[in-house]
PDB file of N, CA and C in Angstrom:
ATOM      1  N   MET A   1       0.827  -1.187   0.000  1.00  0.00           N
ATOM      2  CA  MET A   1       0.000   0.000   0.000  1.00  0.00           C
ATOM      3  C   MET A   1       0.872   1.252   0.000  1.00  0.00           C
ATOM      4  N   TYR A   2       1.852   1.296   0.908  1.00  0.00           N
ATOM      5  CA  TYR A   2       2.717   2.466   0.980  1.00  0.00           C
ATOM      6  C   TYR A   2       3.517   2.637  -0.306  1.00  0.00           C
ATOM      7  N   TRP A   3       3.972   1.518  -0.870  1.00  0.00           N
ATOM      8  CA  TRP A   3       4.776   1.567  -2.092  1.00  0.00           C
ATOM      9  C   TRP A   3       3.975   2.152  -3.247  1.00  0.00           C
ATOM     10  N   GLU A   4       2.722   1.757  -3.380  1.00  0.00           N
ATOM     11  CA  GLU A   4       1.881   2.272  -4.463  1.00  0.00           C
ATOM     12  C   GLU A   4       1.653   3.771  -4.320  1.00  0.00           C
ATOM     13  N   LEU A   5       1.471   4.236  -3.101  1.00  0.00           N
ATOM     14  CA  LEU A   5       1.292   5.661  -2.860  1.00  0.00           C
ATOM     15  C   LEU A   5       2.557   6.433  -3.218  1.00  0.00           C
ATOM     16  N   ALA A   6       3.713   5.898  -2.846  1.00  0.00           N
ATOM     17  CA  ALA A   6       4.976   6.562  -3.146  1.00  0.00           C
ATOM     18  C   ALA A   6       5.220   6.644  -4.644  1.00  0.00           C
ATOM     19  N   VAL A   7       4.886   5.583  -5.358  1.00  0.00           N
ATOM     20  CA  VAL A   7       5.049   5.584  -6.812  1.00  0.00           C
ATOM     21  C   VAL A   7       4.090   6.583  -7.453  1.00  0.00           C
ATOM     22  N   THR A   8       2.869   6.645  -6.964  1.00  0.00           N
ATOM     23  CA  THR A   8       1.896   7.585  -7.507  1.00  0.00           C
ATOM     24  C   THR A   8       2.346   9.026  -7.293  1.00  0.00           C
ATOM     25  N   VAL A   9       2.835   9.325  -6.108  1.00  0.00           N
ATOM     26  CA  VAL A   9       3.321  10.677  -5.822  1.00  0.00           C
ATOM     27  C   VAL A   9       4.520  11.013  -6.705  1.00  0.00           C
ATOM     28  N   ALA A  10       5.420  10.061  -6.885  1.00  0.00           N
ATOM     29  CA  ALA A  10       6.594  10.295  -7.725  1.00  0.00           C
ATOM     30  C   ALA A  10       6.195  10.562  -9.173  1.00  0.00           C
ATOM     31  N   VAL A  11       5.244   9.798  -9.680  1.00  0.00           N
ATOM     32  CA  VAL A  11       4.802   9.987 -11.062  1.00  0.00           C
ATOM     33  C   VAL A  11       4.135  11.338 -11.229  1.00  0.00           C
ATOM     34  N   VAL A  12       3.321  11.731 -10.274  1.00  0.00           N
ATOM     35  CA  VAL A  12       2.649  13.037 -10.360  1.00  0.00           C
ATOM     36  C   VAL A  12       3.667  14.167 -10.318  1.00  0.00           C
ATOM     37  N   LEU A  13       4.641  14.086  -9.429  1.00  0.00           N
ATOM     38  CA  LEU A  13       5.655  15.134  -9.338  1.00  0.00           C
ATOM     39  C   LEU A  13       6.515  15.215 -10.587  1.00  0.00           C
ATOM     40  N   LEU A  14       6.913  14.079 -11.127  1.00  0.00           N
ATOM     41  CA  LEU A  14       7.720  14.085 -12.344  1.00  0.00           C
ATOM     42  C   LEU A  14       6.930  14.603 -13.539  1.00  0.00           C
ATOM     43  N   THR A  15       5.677  14.227 -13.633  1.00  0.00           N
ATOM     44  CA  THR A  15       4.842  14.722 -14.723  1.00  0.00           C
ATOM     45  C   THR A  15       4.656  16.229 -14.618  1.00  0.00           C
ATOM     46  N   THR A  16       4.452  16.721 -13.421  1.00  0.00           N
ATOM     47  CA  THR A  16       4.313  18.160 -13.223  1.00  0.00           C
ATOM     48  C   THR A  16       5.596  18.893 -13.607  1.00  0.00           C
ATOM     49  N   ALA A  17       6.731  18.335 -13.239  1.00  0.00           N
ATOM     50  CA  ALA A  17       8.005  18.959 -13.596  1.00  0.00           C
ATOM     51  C   ALA A  17       8.204  18.996 -15.105  1.00  0.00           C
ATOM     52  N   VAL A  18       7.851  17.925 -15.791  1.00  0.00           N
ATOM     53  CA  VAL A  18       7.989  17.889 -17.250  1.00  0.00           C
ATOM     54  C   VAL A  18       7.072  18.917 -17.907  1.00  0.00           C
ATOM     55  N   ILE A  19       5.873  19.043 -17.403  1.00  0.00           N
ATOM     56  CA  ILE A  19       4.931  20.016 -17.972  1.00  0.00           C
ATOM     57  C   ILE A  19       5.433  21.438 -17.764  1.00  0.00           C
ATOM     58  N   VAL A  20       5.970  21.734 -16.591  1.00  0.00           N
ATOM     59  CA  VAL A  20       6.493  23.077 -16.332  1.00  0.00           C
ATOM     60  C   VAL A  20       7.695  23.371 -17.227  1.00  0.00           C
ATOM     61  N   VAL A  21       8.584  22.401 -17.400  1.00  0.00           N
ATOM     62  CA  VAL A  21       9.735  22.594 -18.284  1.00  0.00           C
ATOM     63  C   VAL A  21       9.267  22.813 -19.718  1.00  0.00           C
ATOM     64  N   PHE A  22       8.303  22.038 -20.169  1.00  0.00           N
ATOM     65  CA  PHE A  22       7.768  22.212 -21.516  1.00  0.00           C
ATOM     66  C   PHE A  22       7.130  23.583 -21.679  1.00  0.00           C
ATOM     67  N   ALA A  23       6.409  24.043 -20.667  1.00  0.00           N
ATOM     68  CA  ALA A  23       5.781  25.365 -20.729  1.00  0.00           C
ATOM     69  C   ALA A  23       6.842  26.465 -20.770  1.00  0.00           C
ATOM     70  N   LEU A  24       7.902  26.306 -20.001  1.00  0.00           N
ATOM     71  CA  LEU A  24       8.976  27.294 -20.027  1.00  0.00           C
ATOM     72  C   LEU A  24       9.670  27.331 -21.387  1.00  0.00           C
ATOM     73  N   LEU A  25       9.881  26.161 -21.984  1.00  0.00           N
ATOM     74  CA  LEU A  25      10.494  26.122 -23.310  1.00  0.00           C
ATOM     75  C   LEU A  25       9.595  26.773 -24.362  1.00  0.00           C
ATOM     76  N   ALA A  26       8.311  26.512 -24.286  1.00  0.00           N
ATOM     77  CA  ALA A  26       7.379  27.124 -25.230  1.00  0.00           C
ATOM     78  C   ALA A  26       7.337  28.637 -25.038  1.00  0.00           C
ATOM     79  N   ALA A  27       7.367  29.085 -23.795  1.00  0.00           N
ATOM     80  CA  ALA A  27       7.356  30.520 -23.513  1.00  0.00           C
ATOM     81  C   ALA A  27       8.639  31.184 -24.004  1.00  0.00           C
ATOM     82  N   ALA A  28       9.757  30.536 -23.788  1.00  0.00           N
ATOM     83  CA  ALA A  28      11.022  31.094 -24.259  1.00  0.00           C
ATOM     84  C   ALA A  28      11.037  31.181 -25.783  1.00  0.00           C
ATOM     85  N   GLY A  29      10.537  30.144 -26.429  1.00  0.00           N
ATOM     86  CA  GLY A  29      10.460  30.171 -27.890  1.00  0.00           C
ATOM     87  C   GLY A  29       9.555  31.272 -28.393  1.00  0.00           C
ATOM     88  N   ALA A  30       8.425  31.460 -27.741  1.00  0.00           N
ATOM     89  CA  ALA A  30       7.500  32.520 -28.151  1.00  0.00           C
ATOM     90  C   ALA A  30       8.120  33.894 -27.931  1.00  0.00           C
ATOM     91  N   GLY A  31       8.834  34.052 -26.830  1.00  0.00           N
ATOM     92  CA  GLY A  31       9.490  35.328 -26.573  1.00  0.00           C
ATOM     93  C   GLY A  31      10.579  35.634 -27.585  1.00  0.00           C
ATOM     94  N   VAL A  32      11.362  34.625 -27.917  1.00  0.00           N
ATOM     95  CA  VAL A  32      12.423  34.818 -28.914  1.00  0.00           C
ATOM     96  C   VAL A  32      11.830  35.133 -30.284  1.00  0.00           C
ATOM     97  N   LEU A  33      10.808  34.392 -30.667  1.00  0.00           N
ATOM     98  CA  LEU A  33      10.180  34.652 -31.963  1.00  0.00           C
ATOM     99  C   LEU A  33       9.548  36.041 -32.014  1.00  0.00           C
ATOM    100  N   ALA A  34       8.951  36.459 -30.912  1.00  0.00           N
ATOM    101  CA  ALA A  34       8.369  37.801 -30.874  1.00  0.00           C
ATOM    102  C   ALA A  34       9.459  38.858 -30.982  1.00  0.00           C
ATOM    103  N   ARG A  35      10.557  38.628 -30.304  1.00  0.00           N
ATOM    104  CA  ARG A  35      11.656  39.594 -30.352  1.00  0.00           C
ATOM    105  C   ARG A  35      12.269  39.642 -31.752  1.00  0.00           C
ATOM    106  N   LEU A  36      12.409  38.490 -32.395  1.00  0.00           N
ATOM    107  CA  LEU A  36      12.928  38.468 -33.765  1.00  0.00           C
ATOM    108  C   LEU A  36      11.973  39.131 -34.748  1.00  0.00           C
ATOM    109  N   ASP A  37      10.703  39.146 -34.410  1.00  0.00           N
ATOM    110  CA  ASP A  37       9.697  39.773 -35.256  1.00  0.00           C
ATOM    111  C   ASP A  37       9.681  41.287 -35.081  1.00  0.00           C
ATOM    112  N   GLY A  38      10.472  41.796 -34.147  1.00  0.00           N
ATOM    113  CA  GLY A  38      10.577  43.229 -33.966  1.00  0.00           C
ATOM    114  C   GLY A  38       9.795  43.776 -32.794  1.00  0.00           C
ATOM    115  N   ALA A  39       9.276  42.908 -31.941  1.00  0.00           N
ATOM    116  CA  ALA A  39       8.520  43.368 -30.782  1.00  0.00           C
ATOM    117  C   ALA A  39       9.479  43.940 -29.741  1.00  0.00           C
ATOM    118  N   THR A  40       8.971  44.863 -28.945  1.00  0.00           N
ATOM    119  CA  THR A  40       9.778  45.398 -27.853  1.00  0.00           C
ATOM    120  C   THR A  40       9.929  44.336 -26.768  1.00  0.00           C
ATOM    121  N   TYR A  41      10.839  44.579 -25.823  1.00  0.00           N
ATOM    122  CA  TYR A  41      11.036  43.611 -24.744  1.00  0.00           C
ATOM    123  C   TYR A  41       9.771  43.396 -23.905  1.00  0.00           C
ATOM    124  N   PRO A  42       9.050  44.448 -23.538  1.00  0.00           N
ATOM    125  CA  PRO A  42       7.814  44.200 -22.783  1.00  0.00           C
ATOM    126  C   PRO A  42       6.772  43.414 -23.580  1.00  0.00           C
ATOM    127  N   ALA A  43       6.661  43.693 -24.862  1.00  0.00           N
ATOM    128  CA  ALA A  43       5.700  42.953 -25.686  1.00  0.00           C
ATOM    129  C   ALA A  43       6.112  41.491 -25.836  1.00  0.00           C
ATOM    130  N   ALA A  44       7.405  41.250 -26.008  1.00  0.00           N
ATOM    131  CA  ALA A  44       7.892  39.869 -26.117  1.00  0.00           C
ATOM    132  C   ALA A  44       7.690  39.114 -24.810  1.00  0.00           C
ATOM    133  N   LEU A  45       7.908  39.797 -23.696  1.00  0.00           N
ATOM    134  CA  LEU A  45       7.691  39.166 -22.393  1.00  0.00           C
ATOM    135  C   LEU A  45       6.215  38.861 -22.178  1.00  0.00           C
ATOM    136  N   THR A  46       5.349  39.745 -22.638  1.00  0.00           N
ATOM    137  CA  THR A  46       3.914  39.500 -22.530  1.00  0.00           C
ATOM    138  C   THR A  46       3.505  38.289 -23.358  1.00  0.00           C
ATOM    139  N   ARG A  47       4.033  38.187 -24.562  1.00  0.00           N
ATOM    140  CA  ARG A  47       3.712  37.019 -25.400  1.00  0.00           C
ATOM    141  C   ARG A  47       4.231  35.731 -24.774  1.00  0.00           C
ATOM    142  N   ALA A  48       5.401  35.798 -24.173  1.00  0.00           N
ATOM    143  CA  ALA A  48       5.945  34.616 -23.506  1.00  0.00           C
ATOM    144  C   ALA A  48       5.080  34.219 -22.313  1.00  0.00           C
ATOM    145  N   ALA A  49       4.624  35.203 -21.551  1.00  0.00           N
ATOM    146  CA  ALA A  49       3.784  34.912 -20.391  1.00  0.00           C
ATOM    147  C   ALA A  49       2.443  34.321 -20.811  1.00  0.00           C
ATOM    148  N   VAL A  50       1.878  34.850 -21.883  1.00  0.00           N
ATOM    149  CA  VAL A  50       0.608  34.316 -22.389  1.00  0.00           C
ATOM    150  C   VAL A  50       0.796  32.877 -22.863  1.00  0.00           C
ATOM    151  N   THR A  51       1.892  32.603 -23.529  1.00  0.00           N
ATOM    152  CA  THR A  51       2.165  31.243 -23.993  1.00  0.00           C
ATOM    153  C   THR A  51       2.348  30.285 -22.816  1.00  0.00           C
ATOM    154  N   PHE A  52       3.078  30.721 -21.792  1.00  0.00           N
ATOM    155  CA  PHE A  52       3.255  29.890 -20.601  1.00  0.00           C
ATOM    156  C   PHE A  52       1.914  29.579 -19.950  1.00  0.00           C
ATOM    157  N   ALA A  53       1.091  30.598 -19.798  1.00  0.00           N
ATOM    158  CA  ALA A  53      -0.222  30.391 -19.183  1.00  0.00           C
ATOM    159  C   ALA A  53      -1.098  29.482 -20.031  1.00  0.00           C
ATOM    160  N   ALA A  54      -1.005  29.608 -21.341  1.00  0.00           N
ATOM    161  CA  ALA A  54      -1.806  28.760 -22.226  1.00  0.00           C
ATOM    162  C   ALA A  54      -1.390  27.292 -22.119  1.00  0.00           C
ATOM    163  N   VAL A  55      -0.103  27.038 -22.060  1.00  0.00           N
ATOM    164  CA  VAL A  55       0.370  25.650 -21.948  1.00  0.00           C
ATOM    165  C   VAL A  55      -0.046  25.051 -20.617  1.00  0.00           C
ATOM    166  N   ILE A  56       0.084  25.802 -19.532  1.00  0.00           N
ATOM    167  CA  ILE A  56      -0.317  25.294 -18.215  1.00  0.00           C
ATOM    168  C   ILE A  56      -1.827  25.057 -18.177  1.00  0.00           C
ATOM    169  N   THR A  57      -2.596  25.966 -18.758  1.00  0.00           N
ATOM    170  CA  THR A  57      -4.055  25.802 -18.797  1.00  0.00           C
ATOM    171  C   THR A  57      -4.447  24.578 -19.618  1.00  0.00           C
ATOM    172  N   LEU A  58      -3.803  24.404 -20.755  1.00  0.00           N
ATOM    173  CA  LEU A  58      -4.094  23.241 -21.593  1.00  0.00           C
ATOM    174  C   LEU A  58      -3.749  21.943 -20.868  1.00  0.00           C
ATOM    175  N   ALA A  59      -2.628  21.929 -20.177  1.00  0.00           N
ATOM    176  CA  ALA A  59      -2.230  20.721 -19.446  1.00  0.00           C
ATOM    177  C   ALA A  59      -3.206  20.400 -18.325  1.00  0.00           C
ATOM    178  N   SER A  60      -3.663  21.417 -17.612  1.00  0.00           N
ATOM    179  CA  SER A  60      -4.620  21.149 -16.533  1.00  0.00           C
ATOM    180  C   SER A  60      -5.972  20.710 -17.081  1.00  0.00           C
ATOM    181  N   THR A  61      -6.367  21.243 -18.217  1.00  0.00           N
ATOM    182  CA  THR A  61      -7.621  20.809 -18.841  1.00  0.00           C
ATOM    183  C   THR A  61      -7.539  19.356 -19.293  1.00  0.00           C
ATOM    184  N   VAL A  62      -6.447  18.999 -19.917  1.00  0.00           N
ATOM    185  CA  VAL A  62      -6.267  17.611 -20.360  1.00  0.00           C
ATOM    186  C   VAL A  62      -6.223  16.678 -19.157  1.00  0.00           C
ATOM    187  N   ALA A  63      -5.555  17.088 -18.085  1.00  0.00           N
ATOM    188  CA  ALA A  63      -5.492  16.254 -16.888  1.00  0.00           C
ATOM    189  C   ALA A  63      -6.867  16.064 -16.258  1.00  0.00           C
ATOM    190  N   SER A  64      -7.669  17.109 -16.251  1.00  0.00           N
ATOM    191  CA  SER A  64      -9.009  16.965 -15.670  1.00  0.00           C
ATOM    192  C   SER A  64      -9.902  16.085 -16.535  1.00  0.00           C
ATOM    193  N   VAL A  65      -9.751  16.168 -17.846  1.00  0.00           N
ATOM    194  CA  VAL A  65     -10.514  15.280 -18.729  1.00  0.00           C
ATOM    195  C   VAL A  65     -10.109  13.833 -18.522  1.00  0.00           C
ATOM    196  N   PHE A  66      -8.791  13.580 -18.445  1.00  0.00           N
ATOM    197  CA  PHE A  66      -8.335  12.214 -18.189  1.00  0.00           C
ATOM    198  C   PHE A  66      -8.812  11.713 -16.838  1.00  0.00           C
ATOM    199  N   ALA A  67      -8.771  12.563 -15.827  1.00  0.00           N
ATOM    200  CA  ALA A  67      -9.217  12.153 -14.495  1.00  0.00           C
ATOM    201  C   ALA A  67     -10.697  11.815 -14.506  1.00  0.00           C
ATOM    202  N   THR A  68     -11.481  12.590 -15.260  1.00  0.00           N
ATOM    203  CA  THR A  68     -12.905  12.306 -15.348  1.00  0.00           C
ATOM    204  C   THR A  68     -13.170  11.003 -16.084  1.00  0.00           C
ATOM    205  N   LEU A  69     -12.433  10.762 -17.153  1.00  0.00           N
ATOM    206  CA  LEU A  69     -12.656   9.550 -17.948  1.00  0.00           C
ATOM    207  C   LEU A  69     -12.149   8.285 -17.261  1.00  0.00           C
ATOM    208  N   LEU A  70     -11.092   8.407 -16.507  1.00  0.00           N
ATOM    209  CA  LEU A  70     -10.455   7.217 -15.930  1.00  0.00           C
ATOM    210  C   LEU A  70     -10.947   6.855 -14.541  1.00  0.00           C
ATOM    211  N   THR A  71     -11.817   7.684 -13.953  1.00  0.00           N
ATOM    212  CA  THR A  71     -12.317   7.330 -12.623  1.00  0.00           C
ATOM    213  C   THR A  71     -13.789   6.994 -12.679  1.00  0.00           C
TER     214      THR A  71
END
């Protein structure tokens, strides 16, 4: 019982870390592309922040759909 709980917690933490890293990479890419397109630094940072929030929102939506379907 304890082992299954520990594995579940480890999987959830690792999945969360991967999603955050992926969101940061997507945000960095969006910021760089915005800057290369001629946007100012504040505008590029805003686009990066919006992209980060969108990836996190999408991941939480997908997780809630999976949780609903699998339980």
